[in-house]
Amino acid sequence: MRKIPPLNSVRAFEAVARHRSFSAAANELFVTVAAVSHQVRQLEAGLGQKLLERGRTTTLTPVGKTLYPLLHDGFEQIAQAFALIGAPKEGDAIQLSTTRAFAERWLMPRLAKFNAIYPNITVHIHASEKVVDLRTESIDLAIRYGPADADGRGPVLFEDEYVAVANNSFFPADSNATISDFHNRSLLAFKWKNQALEAPSWSAWLARGEQDTPRDLRISWYSEETLALHALERGLGLLLCSNVLIDDELRSGRMRRVEGPALPGFTYHLIENTSSGSRRSLSLFREWLLSEAKSFRESLSGNRLELVS
């Protein structure tokens, strides 16, 4: 078996190297600064190598720079291993940030399944169009919506597209409808508060269509996407919206797709706050969310094949 230096000394060095401070390391380890200094010197003596330069500031020697990241990763893996086998604590909570439309239309209808499996884990939802800083807002996870090639994105949950839909009651019996059948209905539209994203527009949808555009079409604007979706459900007009957000209504037949093109949308990404640590509750929720997204992604693919055939 490989000989390993005393773990207390190794842990003391890792803490000092991470904080670049003996006093901060002592506070973390609940020991005195003298004890931390002694443990680090003991490690250096055993290795025959100097690891830290002590002075007004604490810096790593070349050997210390080589050793520290390996030890840091090792302690992270040990913590993660024990977190995975530990039971979730009673009242353990997860802070999740996403848009209001996605929370209402996709996430919340599925949360009951997660709650049934893990009743001791509470999920708090922070719904906002604003892109929040996860660390300053103490958010564990975020589901962000944006371009597929955006830098710094996490795992992709799924990608959407924009289709024109209307209340089923507007359609002729047992037949499809074109935009011409809605000449006396409003085209519902919304504006995103996130100015970095440009919402797919009716003008782009109409320009890509192969049918004649009625001249008397009018657009009714809403300040939020969720308001436009509620207007759609109440029969106030047609809406060009994400197939992800309207999926349940399309499958149930409450809403139907108007003949025309599907405009490319964006992707939903899962972003994690690395400062949240390796809590088992986070691992469980993350795996559940990725599994739900995979199933939904497959159902979207199957639905597209049905529409084409």
C-alpha atoms as a PDB file:
ATOM      1  CA  MET A   1       0.000   0.000   0.000  1.00  0.00           C
ATOM      2  CA  ARG A   2       1.242   3.471  -0.861  1.00  0.00           C
ATOM      3  CA  LYS A   3       2.549   5.530   2.042  1.00  0.00           C
ATOM      4  CA  ILE A   4       0.422   8.662   2.582  1.00  0.00           C
ATOM      5  CA  PRO A   5       1.495  11.616   4.774  1.00  0.00           C
ATOM      6  CA  PRO A   6      -0.648  12.378   7.828  1.00  0.00           C
ATOM      7  CA  LEU A   7      -4.051  13.470   6.514  1.00  0.00           C
ATOM      8  CA  ASN A   8      -4.330  16.310   9.038  1.00  0.00           C
ATOM      9  CA  SER A   9      -1.161  17.818   7.596  1.00  0.00           C
ATOM     10  CA  VAL A  10      -2.384  17.326   4.019  1.00  0.00           C
ATOM     11  CA  ARG A  11      -5.757  18.876   4.866  1.00  0.00           C
ATOM     12  CA  ALA A  12      -4.069  21.842   6.560  1.00  0.00           C
ATOM     13  CA  PHE A  13      -1.895  22.526   3.508  1.00  0.00           C
ATOM     14  CA  GLU A  14      -4.881  22.291   1.136  1.00  0.00           C
ATOM     15  CA  ALA A  15      -6.865  24.769   3.219  1.00  0.00           C
ATOM     16  CA  VAL A  16      -3.977  27.258   3.452  1.00  0.00           C
ATOM     17  CA  ALA A  17      -3.283  26.958  -0.284  1.00  0.00           C
ATOM     18  CA  ARG A  18      -6.947  27.486  -1.131  1.00  0.00           C
ATOM     19  CA  HIS A  19      -7.388  30.525   1.119  1.00  0.00           C
ATOM     20  CA  ARG A  20      -3.819  31.813   0.724  1.00  0.00           C
ATOM     21  CA  SER A  21      -4.088  32.451   4.461  1.00  0.00           C
ATOM     22  CA  PHE A  22      -3.143  30.549   7.617  1.00  0.00           C
ATOM     23  CA  SER A  23      -5.778  32.330   9.708  1.00  0.00           C
ATOM     24  CA  ALA A  24      -8.599  31.599   7.236  1.00  0.00           C
ATOM     25  CA  ALA A  25      -7.523  27.956   7.109  1.00  0.00           C
ATOM     26  CA  ALA A  26      -7.476  27.800  10.917  1.00  0.00           C
ATOM     27  CA  ASN A  27     -11.030  29.206  11.068  1.00  0.00           C
ATOM     28  CA  GLU A  28     -12.235  26.603   8.582  1.00  0.00           C
ATOM     29  CA  LEU A  29     -10.582  23.716  10.412  1.00  0.00           C
ATOM     30  CA  PHE A  30     -11.524  24.962  13.916  1.00  0.00           C
ATOM     31  CA  VAL A  31      -7.921  24.930  15.161  1.00  0.00           C
ATOM     32  CA  THR A  32      -5.344  27.584  16.021  1.00  0.00           C
ATOM     33  CA  VAL A  33      -3.091  29.270  13.488  1.00  0.00           C
ATOM     34  CA  ALA A  34      -0.106  27.739  15.303  1.00  0.00           C
ATOM     35  CA  ALA A  35      -1.590  24.260  14.845  1.00  0.00           C
ATOM     36  CA  VAL A  36      -2.078  24.798  11.104  1.00  0.00           C
ATOM     37  CA  SER A  37       1.469  26.138  10.753  1.00  0.00           C
ATOM     38  CA  HIS A  38       2.837  23.123  12.638  1.00  0.00           C
ATOM     39  CA  GLN A  39       0.909  20.662  10.463  1.00  0.00           C
ATOM     40  CA  VAL A  40       2.123  22.292   7.229  1.00  0.00           C
ATOM     41  CA  ARG A  41       5.729  22.301   8.428  1.00  0.00           C
ATOM     42  CA  GLN A  42       5.341  18.634   9.378  1.00  0.00           C
ATOM     43  CA  LEU A  43       4.191  17.868   5.824  1.00  0.00           C
ATOM     44  CA  GLU A  44       7.071  19.851   4.309  1.00  0.00           C
ATOM     45  CA  ALA A  45       9.577  18.032   6.536  1.00  0.00           C
ATOM     46  CA  GLY A  46       8.183  14.650   5.548  1.00  0.00           C
ATOM     47  CA  LEU A  47       8.342  15.502   1.832  1.00  0.00           C
ATOM     48  CA  GLY A  48      11.670  17.258   2.046  1.00  0.00           C
ATOM     49  CA  GLN A  49      10.154  20.046  -0.059  1.00  0.00           C
ATOM     50  CA  LYS A  50       9.024  23.567   0.744  1.00  0.00           C
ATOM     51  CA  LEU A  51       5.363  24.078  -0.250  1.00  0.00           C
ATOM     52  CA  LEU A  52       4.581  27.605   0.931  1.00  0.00           C
ATOM     53  CA  GLU A  53       6.393  30.938   0.997  1.00  0.00           C
ATOM     54  CA  ARG A  54       5.514  32.723   4.227  1.00  0.00           C
ATOM     55  CA  GLY A  55       5.590  36.491   4.512  1.00  0.00           C
ATOM     56  CA  ARG A  56       3.167  39.406   4.325  1.00  0.00           C
ATOM     57  CA  THR A  57       1.258  37.212   1.899  1.00  0.00           C
ATOM     58  CA  THR A  58       1.187  33.427   1.612  1.00  0.00           C
ATOM     59  CA  THR A  59       2.166  32.064  -1.802  1.00  0.00           C
ATOM     60  CA  LEU A  60       2.777  28.625  -3.246  1.00  0.00           C
ATOM     61  CA  THR A  61       6.192  27.382  -4.250  1.00  0.00           C
ATOM     62  CA  PRO A  62       6.511  25.588  -7.632  1.00  0.00           C
ATOM     63  CA  VAL A  63       6.133  22.260  -5.794  1.00  0.00           C
ATOM     64  CA  GLY A  64       3.138  23.600  -3.887  1.00  0.00           C
ATOM     65  CA  LYS A  65       1.513  24.748  -7.144  1.00  0.00           C
ATOM     66  CA  THR A  66       1.901  21.237  -8.539  1.00  0.00           C
ATOM     67  CA  LEU A  67       0.561  19.533  -5.445  1.00  0.00           C
ATOM     68  CA  TYR A  68      -2.372  21.808  -4.531  1.00  0.00           C
ATOM     69  CA  PRO A  69      -4.808  21.225  -7.451  1.00  0.00           C
ATOM     70  CA  LEU A  70      -4.424  17.455  -7.142  1.00  0.00           C
ATOM     71  CA  LEU A  71      -5.146  17.533  -3.420  1.00  0.00           C
ATOM     72  CA  HIS A  72      -8.049  19.955  -3.876  1.00  0.00           C
ATOM     73  CA  ASP A  73      -9.685  17.693  -6.477  1.00  0.00           C
ATOM     74  CA  GLY A  74      -9.105  14.698  -4.220  1.00  0.00           C
ATOM     75  CA  PHE A  75     -10.875  16.285  -1.248  1.00  0.00           C
ATOM     76  CA  GLU A  76     -13.737  17.383  -3.529  1.00  0.00           C
ATOM     77  CA  GLN A  77     -14.188  13.795  -4.743  1.00  0.00           C
ATOM     78  CA  ILE A  78     -14.121  12.450  -1.183  1.00  0.00           C
ATOM     79  CA  ALA A  79     -16.788  14.973  -0.130  1.00  0.00           C
ATOM     80  CA  GLN A  80     -18.903  14.110  -3.155  1.00  0.00           C
ATOM     81  CA  ALA A  81     -18.650  10.387  -2.460  1.00  0.00           C
ATOM     82  CA  PHE A  82     -19.951  10.761   1.099  1.00  0.00           C
ATOM     83  CA  ALA A  83     -22.632  13.239  -0.023  1.00  0.00           C
ATOM     84  CA  LEU A  84     -24.001  10.719  -2.493  1.00  0.00           C
ATOM     85  CA  ILE A  85     -24.514   7.985   0.096  1.00  0.00           C
ATOM     86  CA  GLY A  86     -25.918  10.247   2.781  1.00  0.00           C
ATOM     87  CA  ALA A  87     -29.675  10.633   3.159  1.00  0.00           C
ATOM     88  CA  PRO A  88     -31.196  14.018   2.309  1.00  0.00           C
ATOM     89  CA  LYS A  89     -31.712  16.097   5.408  1.00  0.00           C
ATOM     90  CA  GLU A  90     -35.230  16.849   6.546  1.00  0.00           C
ATOM     91  CA  GLY A  91     -36.198  20.161   5.000  1.00  0.00           C
ATOM     92  CA  ASP A  92     -33.267  20.228   2.551  1.00  0.00           C
ATOM     93  CA  ALA A  93     -33.990  22.978   0.011  1.00  0.00           C
ATOM     94  CA  ILE A  94     -32.873  23.764  -3.537  1.00  0.00           C
ATOM     95  CA  GLN A  95     -32.968  27.265  -5.031  1.00  0.00           C
ATOM     96  CA  LEU A  96     -33.779  27.198  -8.766  1.00  0.00           C
ATOM     97  CA  SER A  97     -33.926  30.158 -11.145  1.00  0.00           C
ATOM     98  CA  THR A  98     -35.768  30.103 -14.481  1.00  0.00           C
ATOM     99  CA  THR A  99     -38.218  32.135 -16.538  1.00  0.00           C
ATOM    100  CA  ARG A 100     -41.820  32.462 -15.441  1.00  0.00           C
ATOM    101  CA  ALA A 101     -43.163  30.928 -18.662  1.00  0.00           C
ATOM    102  CA  PHE A 102     -40.941  27.851 -18.402  1.00  0.00           C
ATOM    103  CA  ALA A 103     -41.690  27.417 -14.694  1.00  0.00           C
ATOM    104  CA  GLU A 104     -45.456  27.596 -15.255  1.00  0.00           C
ATOM    105  CA  ARG A 105     -45.723  25.574 -18.445  1.00  0.00           C
ATOM    106  CA  TRP A 106     -43.048  22.877 -18.180  1.00  0.00           C
ATOM    107  CA  LEU A 107     -41.422  22.594 -14.771  1.00  0.00           C
ATOM    108  CA  MET A 108     -44.235  22.959 -12.249  1.00  0.00           C
ATOM    109  CA  PRO A 109     -46.514  20.318 -13.842  1.00  0.00           C
ATOM    110  CA  ARG A 110     -43.671  17.809 -13.396  1.00  0.00           C
ATOM    111  CA  LEU A 111     -42.521  18.735  -9.882  1.00  0.00           C
ATOM    112  CA  ALA A 112     -45.189  16.574  -8.236  1.00  0.00           C
ATOM    113  CA  LYS A 113     -43.333  13.486  -9.502  1.00  0.00           C
ATOM    114  CA  PHE A 114     -40.099  14.671  -7.917  1.00  0.00           C
ATOM    115  CA  ASN A 115     -41.868  15.514  -4.644  1.00  0.00           C
ATOM    116  CA  ALA A 116     -43.418  12.046  -4.539  1.00  0.00           C
ATOM    117  CA  ILE A 117     -39.986  10.413  -4.857  1.00  0.00           C
ATOM    118  CA  TYR A 118     -38.106  12.801  -2.538  1.00  0.00           C
ATOM    119  CA  PRO A 119     -40.622  14.337  -0.115  1.00  0.00           C
ATOM    120  CA  ASN A 120     -37.864  15.733   2.123  1.00  0.00           C
ATOM    121  CA  ILE A 121     -36.356  17.903  -0.619  1.00  0.00           C
ATOM    122  CA  THR A 122     -37.999  21.273  -1.218  1.00  0.00           C
ATOM    123  CA  VAL A 123     -37.541  23.114  -4.499  1.00  0.00           C
ATOM    124  CA  HIS A 124     -37.842  26.905  -4.361  1.00  0.00           C
ATOM    125  CA  ILE A 125     -38.491  28.494  -7.753  1.00  0.00           C
ATOM    126  CA  HIS A 126     -37.311  32.023  -8.533  1.00  0.00           C
ATOM    127  CA  ALA A 127     -39.063  33.053 -11.761  1.00  0.00           C
ATOM    128  CA  SER A 128     -37.685  36.065 -13.575  1.00  0.00           C
ATOM    129  CA  GLU A 129     -36.730  37.197 -17.068  1.00  0.00           C
ATOM    130  CA  LYS A 130     -33.598  38.739 -15.567  1.00  0.00           C
ATOM    131  CA  VAL A 131     -30.386  36.722 -15.831  1.00  0.00           C
ATOM    132  CA  VAL A 132     -29.328  36.508 -12.189  1.00  0.00           C
ATOM    133  CA  ASP A 133     -25.856  36.037 -10.737  1.00  0.00           C
ATOM    134  CA  LEU A 134     -26.101  32.622  -9.066  1.00  0.00           C
ATOM    135  CA  ARG A 135     -23.544  33.372  -6.376  1.00  0.00           C
ATOM    136  CA  THR A 136     -24.802  36.768  -5.246  1.00  0.00           C
ATOM    137  CA  GLU A 137     -28.441  35.604  -5.305  1.00  0.00           C
ATOM    138  CA  SER A 138     -27.652  32.261  -3.542  1.00  0.00           C
ATOM    139  CA  ILE A 139     -29.150  30.245  -6.404  1.00  0.00           C
ATOM    140  CA  ASP A 140     -28.125  26.573  -6.719  1.00  0.00           C
ATOM    141  CA  LEU A 141     -29.322  25.865 -10.263  1.00  0.00           C
ATOM    142  CA  ALA A 142     -30.646  27.878 -13.191  1.00  0.00           C
ATOM    143  CA  ILE A 143     -32.418  26.852 -16.367  1.00  0.00           C
ATOM    144  CA  ARG A 144     -31.361  29.409 -18.948  1.00  0.00           C
ATOM    145  CA  TYR A 145     -32.760  29.999 -22.428  1.00  0.00           C
ATOM    146  CA  GLY A 146     -30.548  31.171 -25.262  1.00  0.00           C
ATOM    147  CA  PRO A 147     -28.416  30.332 -28.318  1.00  0.00           C
ATOM    148  CA  ALA A 148     -27.009  26.823 -28.533  1.00  0.00           C
ATOM    149  CA  ASP A 149     -23.439  28.061 -29.026  1.00  0.00           C
ATOM    150  CA  ALA A 150     -23.416  30.544 -26.138  1.00  0.00           C
ATOM    151  CA  ASP A 151     -20.250  30.448 -24.055  1.00  0.00           C
ATOM    152  CA  GLY A 152     -20.325  29.092 -20.527  1.00  0.00           C
ATOM    153  CA  ARG A 153     -23.494  27.043 -20.937  1.00  0.00           C
ATOM    154  CA  GLY A 154     -24.194  23.816 -19.094  1.00  0.00           C
ATOM    155  CA  PRO A 155     -25.925  20.623 -20.260  1.00  0.00           C
ATOM    156  CA  VAL A 156     -28.610  21.171 -22.902  1.00  0.00           C
ATOM    157  CA  LEU A 157     -32.034  19.998 -21.766  1.00  0.00           C
ATOM    158  CA  PHE A 158     -33.743  20.429 -25.144  1.00  0.00           C
ATOM    159  CA  GLU A 159     -34.236  22.824 -28.040  1.00  0.00           C
ATOM    160  CA  ASP A 160     -37.497  24.399 -29.140  1.00  0.00           C
ATOM    161  CA  GLU A 161     -39.079  25.827 -32.269  1.00  0.00           C
ATOM    162  CA  TYR A 162     -41.821  28.398 -32.808  1.00  0.00           C
ATOM    163  CA  VAL A 163     -45.139  27.410 -34.369  1.00  0.00           C
ATOM    164  CA  ALA A 164     -48.442  29.214 -34.879  1.00  0.00           C
ATOM    165  CA  VAL A 165     -51.234  27.775 -32.736  1.00  0.00           C
ATOM    166  CA  ALA A 166     -54.844  28.587 -31.936  1.00  0.00           C
ATOM    167  CA  ASN A 167     -57.724  27.327 -29.832  1.00  0.00           C
ATOM    168  CA  ASN A 168     -59.220  24.134 -31.221  1.00  0.00           C
ATOM    169  CA  SER A 169     -62.675  25.756 -31.361  1.00  0.00           C
ATOM    170  CA  PHE A 170     -61.468  28.030 -34.184  1.00  0.00           C
ATOM    171  CA  PHE A 171     -60.683  25.149 -36.555  1.00  0.00           C
ATOM    172  CA  PRO A 172     -63.094  23.684 -39.119  1.00  0.00           C
ATOM    173  CA  ALA A 173     -64.352  20.243 -38.137  1.00  0.00           C
ATOM    174  CA  ASP A 174     -61.861  17.464 -38.912  1.00  0.00           C
ATOM    175  CA  SER A 175     -59.606  19.662 -41.037  1.00  0.00           C
ATOM    176  CA  ASN A 176     -56.582  21.890 -40.746  1.00  0.00           C
ATOM    177  CA  ALA A 177     -56.616  25.657 -40.997  1.00  0.00           C
ATOM    178  CA  THR A 178     -54.412  28.241 -42.669  1.00  0.00           C
ATOM    179  CA  ILE A 179     -53.750  31.823 -41.669  1.00  0.00           C
ATOM    180  CA  SER A 180     -56.483  32.905 -44.085  1.00  0.00           C
ATOM    181  CA  ASP A 181     -59.077  31.237 -41.875  1.00  0.00           C
ATOM    182  CA  PHE A 182     -58.245  33.690 -39.079  1.00  0.00           C
ATOM    183  CA  HIS A 183     -58.593  36.992 -40.930  1.00  0.00           C
ATOM    184  CA  ASN A 184     -60.921  38.311 -38.196  1.00  0.00           C
ATOM    185  CA  ARG A 185     -58.705  37.208 -35.300  1.00  0.00           C
ATOM    186  CA  SER A 186     -55.766  38.989 -33.675  1.00  0.00           C
ATOM    187  CA  LEU A 187     -52.214  37.764 -33.945  1.00  0.00           C
ATOM    188  CA  LEU A 188     -50.964  37.654 -30.368  1.00  0.00           C
ATOM    189  CA  ALA A 189     -47.369  38.734 -29.743  1.00  0.00           C
ATOM    190  CA  PHE A 190     -45.127  39.409 -26.746  1.00  0.00           C
ATOM    191  CA  LYS A 191     -41.877  41.170 -25.928  1.00  0.00           C
ATOM    192  CA  TRP A 192     -39.085  39.652 -23.867  1.00  0.00           C
ATOM    193  CA  LYS A 193     -37.497  41.699 -21.113  1.00  0.00           C
ATOM    194  CA  ASN A 194     -34.153  40.093 -21.968  1.00  0.00           C
ATOM    195  CA  GLN A 195     -32.999  42.405 -24.741  1.00  0.00           C
ATOM    196  CA  ALA A 196     -30.173  40.016 -25.682  1.00  0.00           C
ATOM    197  CA  LEU A 197     -32.714  37.641 -27.261  1.00  0.00           C
ATOM    198  CA  GLU A 198     -34.881  38.481 -30.232  1.00  0.00           C
ATOM    199  CA  ALA A 199     -38.223  36.729 -30.117  1.00  0.00           C
ATOM    200  CA  PRO A 200     -39.379  35.052 -33.348  1.00  0.00           C
ATOM    201  CA  SER A 201     -41.781  37.425 -35.097  1.00  0.00           C
ATOM    202  CA  TRP A 202     -45.020  37.103 -37.045  1.00  0.00           C
ATOM    203  CA  SER A 203     -43.398  38.986 -39.949  1.00  0.00           C
ATOM    204  CA  ALA A 204     -40.709  36.279 -40.204  1.00  0.00           C
ATOM    205  CA  TRP A 205     -43.331  33.519 -39.965  1.00  0.00           C
ATOM    206  CA  LEU A 206     -45.537  35.113 -42.632  1.00  0.00           C
ATOM    207  CA  ALA A 207     -42.565  35.762 -44.924  1.00  0.00           C
ATOM    208  CA  ARG A 208     -41.603  32.070 -44.833  1.00  0.00           C
ATOM    209  CA  GLY A 209     -45.143  30.855 -45.467  1.00  0.00           C
ATOM    210  CA  GLU A 210     -46.279  29.633 -48.881  1.00  0.00           C
ATOM    211  CA  GLN A 211     -49.807  31.006 -48.599  1.00  0.00           C
ATOM    212  CA  ASP A 212     -51.278  34.414 -49.307  1.00  0.00           C
ATOM    213  CA  THR A 213     -51.320  36.714 -46.300  1.00  0.00           C
ATOM    214  CA  PRO A 214     -54.668  38.356 -45.490  1.00  0.00           C
ATOM    215  CA  ARG A 215     -54.445  42.144 -45.501  1.00  0.00           C
ATOM    216  CA  ASP A 216     -56.607  42.733 -42.450  1.00  0.00           C
ATOM    217  CA  LEU A 217     -54.406  40.917 -39.891  1.00  0.00           C
ATOM    218  CA  ARG A 218     -53.759  42.859 -36.698  1.00  0.00           C
ATOM    219  CA  ILE A 219     -51.247  42.249 -33.909  1.00  0.00           C
ATOM    220  CA  SER A 220     -52.135  42.463 -30.211  1.00  0.00           C
ATOM    221  CA  TRP A 221     -49.025  42.991 -28.045  1.00  0.00           C
ATOM    222  CA  TYR A 222     -48.428  41.717 -24.502  1.00  0.00           C
ATOM    223  CA  SER A 223     -45.664  42.806 -22.155  1.00  0.00           C
ATOM    224  CA  GLU A 224     -45.002  39.240 -20.957  1.00  0.00           C
ATOM    225  CA  GLU A 225     -44.910  35.846 -22.649  1.00  0.00           C
ATOM    226  CA  THR A 226     -47.146  34.303 -19.990  1.00  0.00           C
ATOM    227  CA  LEU A 227     -49.851  36.919 -20.625  1.00  0.00           C
ATOM    228  CA  ALA A 228     -49.825  36.074 -24.337  1.00  0.00           C
ATOM    229  CA  LEU A 229     -50.151  32.381 -23.491  1.00  0.00           C
ATOM    230  CA  HIS A 230     -53.115  33.084 -21.220  1.00  0.00           C
ATOM    231  CA  ALA A 231     -54.705  35.158 -24.006  1.00  0.00           C
ATOM    232  CA  LEU A 232     -54.238  32.210 -26.374  1.00  0.00           C
ATOM    233  CA  GLU A 233     -55.977  29.853 -23.947  1.00  0.00           C
ATOM    234  CA  ARG A 234     -58.898  32.237 -23.648  1.00  0.00           C
ATOM    235  CA  GLY A 235     -59.404  32.362 -27.399  1.00  0.00           C
ATOM    236  CA  LEU A 236     -58.242  35.928 -27.964  1.00  0.00           C
ATOM    237  CA  GLY A 237     -56.288  35.039 -31.100  1.00  0.00           C
ATOM    238  CA  LEU A 238     -53.390  33.096 -32.602  1.00  0.00           C
ATOM    239  CA  LEU A 239     -49.966  32.926 -31.018  1.00  0.00           C
ATOM    240  CA  LEU A 240     -46.533  32.210 -32.427  1.00  0.00           C
ATOM    241  CA  CYS A 241     -45.016  30.360 -29.492  1.00  0.00           C
ATOM    242  CA  SER A 242     -42.513  27.748 -28.359  1.00  0.00           C
ATOM    243  CA  ASN A 243     -43.585  24.164 -28.967  1.00  0.00           C
ATOM    244  CA  VAL A 244     -42.053  23.308 -25.559  1.00  0.00           C
ATOM    245  CA  LEU A 245     -44.376  25.677 -23.699  1.00  0.00           C
ATOM    246  CA  ILE A 246     -47.499  24.567 -25.581  1.00  0.00           C
ATOM    247  CA  ASP A 247     -46.734  20.849 -25.792  1.00  0.00           C
ATOM    248  CA  ASP A 248     -49.382  19.660 -23.315  1.00  0.00           C
ATOM    249  CA  GLU A 249     -52.124  21.656 -25.057  1.00  0.00           C
ATOM    250  CA  LEU A 250     -51.151  20.348 -28.487  1.00  0.00           C
ATOM    251  CA  ARG A 251     -51.140  16.735 -27.297  1.00  0.00           C
ATOM    252  CA  SER A 252     -54.517  17.084 -25.571  1.00  0.00           C
ATOM    253  CA  GLY A 253     -56.072  18.752 -28.608  1.00  0.00           C
ATOM    254  CA  ARG A 254     -57.038  21.913 -26.716  1.00  0.00           C
ATOM    255  CA  MET A 255     -54.763  23.792 -29.107  1.00  0.00           C
ATOM    256  CA  ARG A 256     -53.938  23.010 -32.701  1.00  0.00           C
ATOM    257  CA  ARG A 257     -51.177  24.080 -35.017  1.00  0.00           C
ATOM    258  CA  VAL A 258     -51.990  26.426 -37.894  1.00  0.00           C
ATOM    259  CA  GLU A 259     -50.478  25.342 -41.208  1.00  0.00           C
ATOM    260  CA  GLY A 260     -47.202  27.123 -41.808  1.00  0.00           C
ATOM    261  CA  PRO A 261     -43.470  27.052 -41.076  1.00  0.00           C
ATOM    262  CA  ALA A 262     -41.701  26.263 -37.814  1.00  0.00           C
ATOM    263  CA  LEU A 263     -39.178  28.953 -36.918  1.00  0.00           C
ATOM    264  CA  PRO A 264     -35.969  27.964 -35.113  1.00  0.00           C
ATOM    265  CA  GLY A 265     -35.933  28.782 -31.414  1.00  0.00           C
ATOM    266  CA  PHE A 266     -33.273  28.452 -28.728  1.00  0.00           C
ATOM    267  CA  THR A 267     -32.003  25.889 -26.246  1.00  0.00           C
ATOM    268  CA  TYR A 268     -32.698  25.370 -22.557  1.00  0.00           C
ATOM    269  CA  HIS A 269     -29.489  24.911 -20.549  1.00  0.00           C
ATOM    270  CA  LEU A 270     -28.909  23.764 -16.984  1.00  0.00           C
ATOM    271  CA  ILE A 271     -26.438  26.010 -15.144  1.00  0.00           C
ATOM    272  CA  GLU A 272     -24.972  25.013 -11.777  1.00  0.00           C
ATOM    273  CA  ASN A 273     -23.554  27.205  -9.041  1.00  0.00           C
ATOM    274  CA  THR A 274     -20.201  25.629  -8.192  1.00  0.00           C
ATOM    275  CA  SER A 275     -20.315  27.330  -4.795  1.00  0.00           C
ATOM    276  CA  SER A 276     -23.335  25.252  -3.766  1.00  0.00           C
ATOM    277  CA  GLY A 277     -21.122  22.257  -3.052  1.00  0.00           C
ATOM    278  CA  SER A 278     -21.828  18.555  -3.579  1.00  0.00           C
ATOM    279  CA  ARG A 279     -25.083  18.205  -1.667  1.00  0.00           C
ATOM    280  CA  ARG A 280     -26.916  14.964  -2.329  1.00  0.00           C
ATOM    281  CA  SER A 281     -30.192  16.844  -2.806  1.00  0.00           C
ATOM    282  CA  LEU A 282     -28.667  18.775  -5.711  1.00  0.00           C
ATOM    283  CA  SER A 283     -27.319  15.598  -7.305  1.00  0.00           C
ATOM    284  CA  LEU A 284     -30.701  13.903  -7.016  1.00  0.00           C
ATOM    285  CA  PHE A 285     -32.621  16.847  -8.450  1.00  0.00           C
ATOM    286  CA  ARG A 286     -30.108  17.324 -11.255  1.00  0.00           C
ATOM    287  CA  GLU A 287     -30.317  13.678 -12.311  1.00  0.00           C
ATOM    288  CA  TRP A 288     -34.116  13.734 -12.128  1.00  0.00           C
ATOM    289  CA  LEU A 289     -34.279  16.900 -14.219  1.00  0.00           C
ATOM    290  CA  LEU A 290     -31.928  15.521 -16.876  1.00  0.00           C
ATOM    291  CA  SER A 291     -33.979  12.321 -17.034  1.00  0.00           C
ATOM    292  CA  GLU A 292     -37.239  14.258 -17.449  1.00  0.00           C
ATOM    293  CA  ALA A 293     -35.643  16.394 -20.144  1.00  0.00           C
ATOM    294  CA  LYS A 294     -34.401  13.314 -22.005  1.00  0.00           C
ATOM    295  CA  SER A 295     -37.883  11.758 -22.014  1.00  0.00           C
ATOM    296  CA  PHE A 296     -39.434  15.020 -23.150  1.00  0.00           C
ATOM    297  CA  ARG A 297     -36.798  15.463 -25.857  1.00  0.00           C
ATOM    298  CA  GLU A 298     -37.614  12.015 -27.225  1.00  0.00           C
ATOM    299  CA  SER A 299     -41.339  12.750 -27.175  1.00  0.00           C
ATOM    300  CA  LEU A 300     -40.750  15.982 -29.119  1.00  0.00           C
ATOM    301  CA  SER A 301     -38.823  14.057 -31.775  1.00  0.00           C
ATOM    302  CA  GLY A 302     -41.639  11.515 -32.060  1.00  0.00           C
ATOM    303  CA  ASN A 303     -44.210  14.292 -32.367  1.00  0.00           C
ATOM    304  CA  ARG A 304     -42.263  15.934 -35.195  1.00  0.00           C
ATOM    305  CA  LEU A 305     -42.167  12.629 -37.089  1.00  0.00           C
ATOM    306  CA  GLU A 306     -45.943  12.309 -36.730  1.00  0.00           C
ATOM    307  CA  LEU A 307     -46.479  15.820 -38.114  1.00  0.00           C
ATOM    308  CA  VAL A 308     -44.270  15.110 -41.135  1.00  0.00           C
ATOM    309  CA  SER A 309     -45.794  11.705 -41.952  1.00  0.00           C
END
